[in-house]
Amino acid sequence: DIKNFNDGECNIKLHSSVRDAHVYVVQSVCPGKGGNNDRSINDHLMELYLLIRCFRRASARTVTAVIPYFGYARQDEKTRPRVPIASSD
């Protein structure tokens, strides 16, 4: 169960045990457009990070993230000096 606080932080709660399970998380990081899904790529990546940490702390054997759309994928090479390669980090 994933809920958001008023300030945008997400709260994650598992309702069943994942101990020794192989967990797959399907999480797109495509930015939302309007409605109640108006969240940025960074919001989705943070949610994915917290989901993975939640499953690992709940003793999942493995956690595999499936990301159909990966944000920052366009930043895969340096276009000029002193700029980061965001997709490599």
Protein backbone atom coordinates (compact mmCIF):
# COMPACT_ATOMS: atom_id res chain seq x y z
CA ASP A 1 0.00 0.00 0.00
CA ILE A 2 1.50 3.34 -1.06
CA LYS A 3 0.04 6.59 0.23
CA ASN A 4 1.29 10.14 0.00
CA PHE A 5 1.41 12.65 2.82
CA ASN A 6 0.32 16.24 2.19
CA ASP A 7 3.92 17.36 1.71
CA GLY A 8 4.49 14.76 -1.05
CA GLU A 9 6.38 12.13 0.96
CA CYS A 10 5.26 8.58 0.32
CA ASN A 11 4.38 6.03 2.97
CA ILE A 12 4.77 2.35 2.07
CA LYS A 13 3.19 -0.52 4.00
CA LEU A 14 3.34 -4.22 3.15
CA HIS A 15 0.24 -6.25 3.96
CA SER A 16 1.81 -9.68 3.50
CA SER A 17 5.13 -11.35 4.19
CA VAL A 18 7.84 -11.36 1.52
CA ARG A 19 10.42 -13.26 3.59
CA ASP A 20 12.60 -15.41 1.28
CA ALA A 21 10.48 -14.44 -1.74
CA HIS A 22 11.68 -13.27 -5.14
CA VAL A 23 10.01 -9.87 -5.54
CA TYR A 24 9.52 -8.04 -8.84
CA VAL A 25 8.70 -4.33 -8.77
CA VAL A 26 7.29 -2.85 -11.98
CA GLN A 27 7.67 0.91 -11.74
CA SER A 28 7.58 3.34 -14.62
CA VAL A 29 9.29 6.65 -13.99
CA CYS A 30 7.41 8.42 -16.76
CA PRO A 31 6.33 11.85 -15.52
CA GLY A 32 2.59 12.31 -15.05
CA LYS A 33 0.58 14.92 -16.90
CA GLY A 34 -2.27 16.50 -15.00
CA GLY A 35 -4.90 14.89 -12.83
CA ASN A 36 -3.79 13.16 -9.67
CA ASN A 37 -0.67 11.70 -11.33
CA ASP A 38 1.23 14.99 -11.62
CA ARG A 39 4.55 13.63 -10.32
CA SER A 40 8.07 14.09 -11.61
CA ILE A 41 10.66 11.50 -12.62
CA ASN A 42 12.45 12.14 -9.33
CA ASP A 43 9.28 11.35 -7.36
CA HIS A 44 8.94 8.02 -9.15
CA LEU A 45 12.62 7.15 -8.64
CA MET A 46 12.39 7.94 -4.93
CA GLU A 47 9.28 5.79 -4.63
CA LEU A 48 11.10 2.95 -6.39
CA TYR A 49 14.07 3.32 -4.04
CA LEU A 50 11.80 3.23 -0.98
CA LEU A 51 9.94 0.18 -2.33
CA ILE A 52 13.20 -1.69 -2.84
CA ARG A 53 14.42 -0.74 0.66
CA CYS A 54 11.07 -1.81 2.13
CA PHE A 55 11.26 -5.25 0.49
CA ARG A 56 14.90 -5.73 1.49
CA ARG A 57 14.17 -4.82 5.11
CA ALA A 58 11.25 -7.27 5.03
CA SER A 59 13.80 -10.02 4.20
CA ALA A 60 12.95 -10.60 0.54
CA ARG A 61 15.46 -12.98 -1.02
CA THR A 62 15.82 -10.90 -4.18
CA VAL A 63 14.26 -7.70 -5.48
CA THR A 64 14.20 -7.08 -9.23
CA ALA A 65 13.12 -3.70 -10.56
CA VAL A 66 11.47 -3.65 -13.98
CA ILE A 67 11.50 -0.10 -15.37
CA PRO A 68 9.64 0.14 -18.72
CA TYR A 69 10.48 3.83 -19.11
CA PHE A 70 13.74 4.98 -17.56
CA GLY A 71 14.06 8.70 -16.96
CA TYR A 72 17.43 10.32 -17.55
CA ALA A 73 18.15 7.80 -20.32
CA ARG A 74 18.66 10.66 -22.76
CA GLN A 75 21.60 11.87 -20.70
CA ASP A 76 23.89 8.98 -21.64
CA GLU A 77 26.87 10.98 -22.91
CA LYS A 78 28.69 14.21 -22.22
CA THR A 79 27.64 16.95 -24.60
CA ARG A 80 30.02 19.55 -23.19
CA PRO A 81 32.58 19.81 -20.40
CA ARG A 82 31.54 19.85 -16.72
CA VAL A 83 28.13 18.23 -17.18
CA PRO A 84 27.08 14.96 -15.51
CA ILE A 85 26.25 11.72 -17.26
CA ALA A 86 23.04 11.19 -15.31
CA SER A 87 22.13 7.78 -16.76
CA SER A 88 25.41 6.23 -15.59
CA ASP A 89 24.84 6.97 -11.90
